[in-house]
Amino acid sequence: MLVRKLVITAFLFGISLQAIAAPIPESPDRQTSWGLYVDSREAFELKTGTEGKKILFVDVRDPIEIMFTGFTDTVDINIPFLISNPTKWNEKKSVYAMEPNKDFESDIVKALNDRGLTKDDKIILMCRSGGERGAPSAKALDGKGFKQVYVVTDGFEGDTVKEGPKKNWRLVNGWKNSGLPWGYKLNKQKMYFE
């Protein structure tokens, strides 16, 4: 009965059932006020489907990270949520410091406007793993008039293997591990420039 009610509700309000299939992340840090989650395959289906031009698909990773881990031309644009700063060091993680992109929200608005979209249209945000920057980037847009912000729960590279010889390698789910189109060649037109 519940499934039937969901189907009827989806039909009446034009909600895509595919778009709500990804489970709610267990960690509150990975949850958003919109409660809109897709996995990488669902993001691909939404963006390449009949309504794809009405969706802004954003890769929120740092451009240098993308250069070394890969890219999918399915995204509309790269707007990093955090940008590496080679003049500062993160002692805790033993990496360069990552700093918030002060133009993140305004760059999202510009990307929407450039495509004839508004804050009412769907936005899909994808980071490396779905948690470090995906949900936080969505939270940065919270309360600013955006109506439908989705997070790709498994991200571009996916989760890590928990045991065995490839322990900690990102080989579980994610865009790269789902047979979706990607490569190491970047599309300059979609990449972020300060």
Protein backbone atom coordinates (compact mmCIF):
# COMPACT_ATOMS: atom_id res chain seq x y z
CA MET A 1 0.00 0.00 0.00
CA LEU A 2 2.81 2.41 0.85
CA VAL A 3 4.48 1.80 -2.52
CA ARG A 4 1.20 2.50 -4.29
CA LYS A 5 0.81 5.80 -2.40
CA LEU A 6 4.37 6.77 -3.35
CA VAL A 7 3.71 6.00 -7.02
CA ILE A 8 0.45 8.02 -6.98
CA THR A 9 2.13 10.92 -5.16
CA ALA A 10 5.05 10.82 -7.60
CA PHE A 11 2.65 10.86 -10.54
CA LEU A 12 0.56 13.75 -9.17
CA PHE A 13 3.52 15.94 -8.29
CA GLY A 14 5.87 14.95 -11.12
CA ILE A 15 8.44 13.43 -8.78
CA SER A 16 10.88 10.97 -10.29
CA LEU A 17 10.95 7.80 -8.21
CA GLN A 18 14.43 7.08 -9.56
CA ALA A 19 15.65 10.30 -7.96
CA ILE A 20 14.68 9.16 -4.46
CA ALA A 21 16.06 5.63 -4.64
CA ALA A 22 19.42 6.27 -2.94
CA PRO A 23 19.15 5.61 0.78
CA ILE A 24 19.49 8.40 3.30
CA PRO A 25 23.10 8.44 4.49
CA GLU A 26 23.49 7.08 8.02
CA SER A 27 25.85 9.81 9.18
CA PRO A 28 24.16 13.13 9.98
CA ASP A 29 27.24 14.84 8.47
CA ARG A 30 26.22 13.42 5.09
CA GLN A 31 22.56 14.44 5.36
CA THR A 32 21.00 17.67 4.10
CA SER A 33 17.82 19.58 4.86
CA TRP A 34 16.47 18.73 1.40
CA GLY A 35 16.86 15.00 1.99
CA LEU A 36 17.55 14.50 -1.73
CA TYR A 37 20.08 11.78 -2.52
CA VAL A 38 21.04 9.94 -5.70
CA ASP A 39 23.77 7.46 -6.41
CA SER A 40 26.08 7.94 -9.38
CA ARG A 41 23.95 5.82 -11.74
CA GLU A 42 20.81 7.77 -10.82
CA ALA A 43 22.66 11.06 -11.35
CA PHE A 44 23.70 9.86 -14.81
CA GLU A 45 20.14 8.79 -15.66
CA LEU A 46 18.71 12.11 -14.48
CA LYS A 47 21.25 14.21 -16.37
CA THR A 48 21.07 12.22 -19.61
CA GLY A 49 17.28 11.77 -19.44
CA THR A 50 14.56 13.87 -21.04
CA GLU A 51 14.71 16.47 -18.25
CA GLY A 52 18.51 16.65 -18.22
CA LYS A 53 18.70 20.19 -19.58
CA LYS A 54 16.66 21.36 -16.59
CA ILE A 55 19.31 20.06 -14.15
CA LEU A 56 22.61 21.65 -13.18
CA PHE A 57 25.16 18.89 -12.48
CA VAL A 58 28.21 20.21 -10.58
CA ASP A 59 31.49 18.50 -9.74
CA VAL A 60 32.52 20.18 -6.46
CA ARG A 61 36.07 18.73 -6.33
CA ASP A 62 39.25 20.79 -6.53
CA PRO A 63 40.43 21.01 -10.20
CA ILE A 64 43.87 19.57 -9.32
CA GLU A 65 42.17 16.53 -7.76
CA ILE A 66 40.07 16.09 -10.90
CA MET A 67 43.21 16.25 -13.04
CA PHE A 68 44.68 13.23 -11.24
CA THR A 69 41.56 11.16 -10.45
CA GLY A 70 39.47 11.67 -13.57
CA PHE A 71 36.47 13.56 -14.88
CA THR A 72 33.13 12.92 -16.50
CA ASP A 73 31.92 15.21 -19.25
CA THR A 74 28.37 14.41 -18.09
CA VAL A 75 28.71 17.17 -15.48
CA ASP A 76 27.86 20.69 -16.58
CA ILE A 77 30.60 22.46 -14.66
CA ASN A 78 33.30 22.16 -12.03
CA ILE A 79 32.79 24.55 -9.11
CA PRO A 80 35.00 23.49 -6.20
CA PHE A 81 33.55 23.75 -2.72
CA LEU A 82 37.03 23.62 -1.20
CA ILE A 83 40.22 24.71 -2.95
CA SER A 84 43.71 23.50 -2.05
CA ASN A 85 46.09 26.18 -0.82
CA PRO A 86 49.73 25.18 -1.49
CA THR A 87 50.94 27.93 0.84
CA LYS A 88 49.32 26.30 3.90
CA TRP A 89 49.63 22.83 5.43
CA ASN A 90 47.07 20.64 7.20
CA GLU A 91 49.13 18.98 9.96
CA LYS A 92 46.35 16.59 10.95
CA LYS A 93 45.97 15.06 7.47
CA SER A 94 49.52 15.69 6.19
CA VAL A 95 48.25 17.44 3.06
CA TYR A 96 47.92 20.96 1.73
CA ALA A 97 45.19 22.93 3.44
CA MET A 98 41.77 23.01 1.82
CA GLU A 99 39.94 26.32 2.07
CA PRO A 100 36.33 27.22 1.30
CA ASN A 101 35.66 28.68 -2.13
CA LYS A 102 34.28 32.10 -1.19
CA ASP A 103 32.51 32.30 -4.57
CA PHE A 104 30.83 28.89 -4.36
CA GLU A 105 27.24 30.12 -4.02
CA SER A 106 27.60 32.95 -6.54
CA ASP A 107 29.27 30.58 -9.03
CA ILE A 108 26.34 28.16 -8.67
CA VAL A 109 23.88 31.00 -9.33
CA LYS A 110 25.88 32.11 -12.38
CA ALA A 111 26.00 28.54 -13.72
CA LEU A 112 22.21 28.30 -13.32
CA ASN A 113 21.66 31.65 -15.05
CA ASP A 114 24.06 30.75 -17.90
CA ARG A 115 21.86 27.74 -18.65
CA GLY A 116 18.51 29.56 -18.32
CA LEU A 117 17.83 27.84 -15.00
CA THR A 118 16.79 29.24 -11.62
CA LYS A 119 17.11 28.31 -7.96
CA ASP A 120 13.86 26.34 -8.41
CA ASP A 121 15.56 23.85 -10.75
CA LYS A 122 17.38 20.67 -9.70
CA ILE A 123 21.05 20.86 -8.77
CA ILE A 124 23.16 17.72 -8.38
CA LEU A 125 26.44 18.00 -6.45
CA MET A 126 29.16 15.35 -6.72
CA CYS A 127 32.42 15.11 -4.78
CA ARG A 128 34.96 12.27 -4.54
CA SER A 129 33.19 9.99 -2.07
CA GLY A 130 29.81 11.57 -1.37
CA GLY A 131 30.55 12.85 2.10
CA GLU A 132 33.61 15.02 2.55
CA ARG A 133 32.32 17.80 0.28
CA GLY A 134 29.03 16.59 -1.19
CA ALA A 135 26.76 17.19 1.77
CA PRO A 136 28.77 20.16 3.13
CA SER A 137 28.58 21.87 -0.27
CA ALA A 138 24.81 21.34 -0.28
CA LYS A 139 24.60 22.70 3.27
CA ALA A 140 26.41 25.85 2.09
CA LEU A 141 23.42 26.48 -0.19
CA ASP A 142 20.85 25.82 2.55
CA GLY A 143 18.54 28.73 3.37
CA LYS A 144 19.57 30.66 0.25
CA GLY A 145 16.51 30.04 -1.90
CA PHE A 146 17.59 26.84 -3.65
CA LYS A 147 14.70 24.37 -3.88
CA GLN A 148 16.12 21.00 -5.00
CA VAL A 149 19.74 20.20 -4.17
CA TYR A 150 20.74 16.56 -4.59
CA VAL A 151 23.93 14.91 -3.34
CA VAL A 152 25.57 11.98 -5.16
CA THR A 153 25.98 9.62 -2.20
CA ASP A 154 28.76 7.47 -3.65
CA GLY A 155 30.66 10.30 -5.36
CA PHE A 156 33.05 10.08 -8.27
CA GLU A 157 35.51 7.54 -6.86
CA GLY A 158 33.23 5.67 -4.46
CA ASP A 159 33.90 4.02 -1.12
CA THR A 160 37.01 2.18 -0.02
CA VAL A 161 37.58 -1.57 0.12
CA LYS A 162 37.50 -2.57 3.81
CA GLU A 163 39.66 -5.73 3.74
CA GLY A 164 42.17 -7.62 1.66
CA PRO A 165 45.14 -6.64 -0.49
CA LYS A 166 43.34 -3.59 -1.91
CA LYS A 167 42.19 -2.31 1.48
CA ASN A 168 41.54 1.48 1.40
CA TRP A 169 41.47 1.63 -2.42
CA ARG A 170 38.37 3.39 -3.76
CA LEU A 171 36.93 0.49 -5.73
CA VAL A 172 33.43 0.19 -4.25
CA ASN A 173 30.59 1.97 -6.10
CA GLY A 174 31.01 5.57 -7.28
CA TRP A 175 30.96 6.97 -10.80
CA LYS A 176 34.29 5.41 -11.83
CA ASN A 177 33.34 1.93 -10.63
CA SER A 178 29.82 1.90 -12.09
CA GLY A 179 30.67 1.63 -15.77
CA LEU A 180 29.71 5.26 -16.39
CA PRO A 181 31.61 7.47 -18.87
CA TRP A 182 34.76 9.11 -17.53
CA GLY A 183 38.41 9.64 -18.38
CA TYR A 184 41.51 11.66 -17.59
CA LYS A 185 41.00 14.18 -20.39
CA LEU A 186 39.42 17.35 -18.98
CA ASN A 187 36.96 19.60 -20.78
CA LYS A 188 38.46 23.09 -20.42
CA GLN A 189 35.04 24.69 -20.99
CA LYS A 190 33.71 23.01 -17.83
CA MET A 191 36.72 23.43 -15.56
CA TYR A 192 37.06 26.00 -12.79
CA PHE A 193 39.34 29.01 -13.14
CA GLU A 194 39.72 31.60 -10.38
